[in-house]
Amino acid sequence: MSLTKRVSNWFSERLGLNDLPFFKTPDYMYHVNEWLGALVAASFI
């Protein structure tokens, strides 16, 4: 087993990362067209 895999497993065991409610990022979060409007609105505020 590689060193990075062992370190990753160590952190996962110590911090309990497997118990956290991770979720898949929606596809629209990766497209600039979807969040650019919110960015422009926030800059005006």
N, C-alpha and C. Protein backbone atom coordinates (compact mmCIF):
# COMPACT_ATOMS: atom_id res chain seq x y z
N MET A 1 0.85 -1.17 0.00
CA MET A 1 0.00 0.00 0.00
C MET A 1 0.90 1.24 0.00
N SER A 2 0.52 2.24 -0.78
CA SER A 2 1.35 3.44 -0.89
C SER A 2 1.21 4.31 0.36
N LEU A 3 2.15 5.19 0.51
CA LEU A 3 2.17 6.07 1.68
C LEU A 3 0.96 7.00 1.68
N THR A 4 0.59 7.53 0.52
CA THR A 4 -0.55 8.45 0.47
C THR A 4 -1.86 7.74 0.84
N LYS A 5 -1.99 6.49 0.42
CA LYS A 5 -3.18 5.72 0.76
C LYS A 5 -3.24 5.44 2.25
N ARG A 6 -2.09 5.12 2.85
CA ARG A 6 -2.06 4.87 4.30
C ARG A 6 -2.39 6.13 5.07
N VAL A 7 -1.85 7.27 4.64
CA VAL A 7 -2.14 8.54 5.33
C VAL A 7 -3.62 8.89 5.18
N SER A 8 -4.16 8.68 3.99
CA SER A 8 -5.58 8.94 3.75
C SER A 8 -6.46 8.06 4.65
N ASN A 9 -6.11 6.79 4.75
CA ASN A 9 -6.87 5.89 5.62
C ASN A 9 -6.75 6.29 7.08
N TRP A 10 -5.57 6.74 7.49
CA TRP A 10 -5.36 7.16 8.87
C TRP A 10 -6.27 8.33 9.21
N PHE A 11 -6.28 9.36 8.33
CA PHE A 11 -7.15 10.52 8.56
C PHE A 11 -8.62 10.11 8.57
N SER A 12 -9.00 9.25 7.65
CA SER A 12 -10.38 8.81 7.57
C SER A 12 -10.83 8.10 8.84
N GLU A 13 -9.96 7.26 9.38
CA GLU A 13 -10.30 6.55 10.61
C GLU A 13 -10.34 7.49 11.81
N ARG A 14 -9.38 8.39 11.91
CA ARG A 14 -9.30 9.27 13.08
C ARG A 14 -10.40 10.32 13.11
N LEU A 15 -10.75 10.84 11.94
CA LEU A 15 -11.73 11.92 11.89
C LEU A 15 -13.14 11.44 11.63
N GLY A 16 -13.31 10.18 11.32
CA GLY A 16 -14.64 9.65 11.04
C GLY A 16 -15.25 10.22 9.78
N LEU A 17 -14.45 10.36 8.74
CA LEU A 17 -14.94 10.98 7.51
C LEU A 17 -15.98 10.13 6.79
N ASN A 18 -15.99 8.85 7.03
CA ASN A 18 -16.98 8.00 6.38
C ASN A 18 -18.38 8.22 6.92
N ASP A 19 -18.49 8.81 8.10
CA ASP A 19 -19.79 9.04 8.72
C ASP A 19 -20.42 10.36 8.30
N LEU A 20 -19.67 11.22 7.61
CA LEU A 20 -20.19 12.52 7.21
C LEU A 20 -21.14 12.38 6.03
N PRO A 21 -22.14 13.25 5.95
CA PRO A 21 -23.13 13.14 4.86
C PRO A 21 -22.65 13.83 3.58
N PHE A 22 -21.67 13.24 2.92
CA PHE A 22 -21.20 13.81 1.65
C PHE A 22 -22.25 13.56 0.57
N PHE A 23 -22.32 14.47 -0.37
CA PHE A 23 -23.27 14.30 -1.47
C PHE A 23 -22.60 14.71 -2.78
N LYS A 24 -23.14 14.23 -3.87
CA LYS A 24 -22.60 14.53 -5.18
C LYS A 24 -22.92 15.98 -5.53
N THR A 25 -21.94 16.67 -6.07
CA THR A 25 -22.14 18.05 -6.49
C THR A 25 -23.01 18.06 -7.75
N PRO A 26 -24.06 18.87 -7.77
CA PRO A 26 -24.91 18.92 -8.97
C PRO A 26 -24.13 19.41 -10.19
N ASP A 27 -24.55 18.98 -11.36
CA ASP A 27 -23.85 19.33 -12.59
C ASP A 27 -23.88 20.82 -12.88
N TYR A 28 -24.95 21.52 -12.46
CA TYR A 28 -25.03 22.94 -12.76
C TYR A 28 -23.98 23.76 -12.02
N MET A 29 -23.38 23.21 -10.98
CA MET A 29 -22.36 23.95 -10.23
C MET A 29 -21.07 24.10 -11.03
N TYR A 30 -20.89 23.30 -12.05
CA TYR A 30 -19.66 23.34 -12.84
C TYR A 30 -19.77 24.25 -14.05
N HIS A 31 -20.96 24.78 -14.35
CA HIS A 31 -21.14 25.63 -15.53
C HIS A 31 -21.20 27.10 -15.12
N VAL A 32 -20.36 27.90 -15.74
CA VAL A 32 -20.28 29.32 -15.40
C VAL A 32 -21.60 30.03 -15.69
N ASN A 33 -22.29 29.63 -16.74
CA ASN A 33 -23.54 30.29 -17.11
C ASN A 33 -24.59 30.21 -16.01
N GLU A 34 -24.56 29.18 -15.22
CA GLU A 34 -25.58 28.98 -14.20
C GLU A 34 -25.37 29.88 -12.98
N TRP A 35 -24.13 30.12 -12.58
CA TRP A 35 -23.91 30.90 -11.35
C TRP A 35 -23.37 32.29 -11.60
N LEU A 36 -23.16 32.66 -12.86
CA LEU A 36 -22.65 33.99 -13.16
C LEU A 36 -23.65 35.08 -12.79
N GLY A 37 -24.93 34.81 -12.99
CA GLY A 37 -25.96 35.79 -12.64
C GLY A 37 -25.98 36.08 -11.15
N ALA A 38 -25.83 35.08 -10.33
CA ALA A 38 -25.79 35.29 -8.89
C ALA A 38 -24.54 36.07 -8.48
N LEU A 39 -23.44 35.82 -9.16
CA LEU A 39 -22.20 36.53 -8.88
C LEU A 39 -22.35 38.02 -9.22
N VAL A 40 -22.97 38.33 -10.35
CA VAL A 40 -23.19 39.71 -10.75
C VAL A 40 -24.13 40.40 -9.77
N ALA A 41 -25.20 39.73 -9.38
CA ALA A 41 -26.16 40.32 -8.43
C ALA A 41 -25.49 40.59 -7.09
N ALA A 42 -24.66 39.67 -6.64
CA ALA A 42 -23.98 39.87 -5.36
C ALA A 42 -22.99 41.02 -5.44
N SER A 43 -22.36 41.22 -6.59
CA SER A 43 -21.40 42.32 -6.71
C SER A 43 -22.10 43.67 -6.67
N PHE A 44 -23.34 43.75 -7.19
CA PHE A 44 -24.07 45.01 -7.12
C PHE A 44 -24.54 45.32 -5.70
N ILE A 45 -24.81 44.31 -4.93
CA ILE A 45 -25.28 44.51 -3.56
C ILE A 45 -24.11 44.95 -2.72
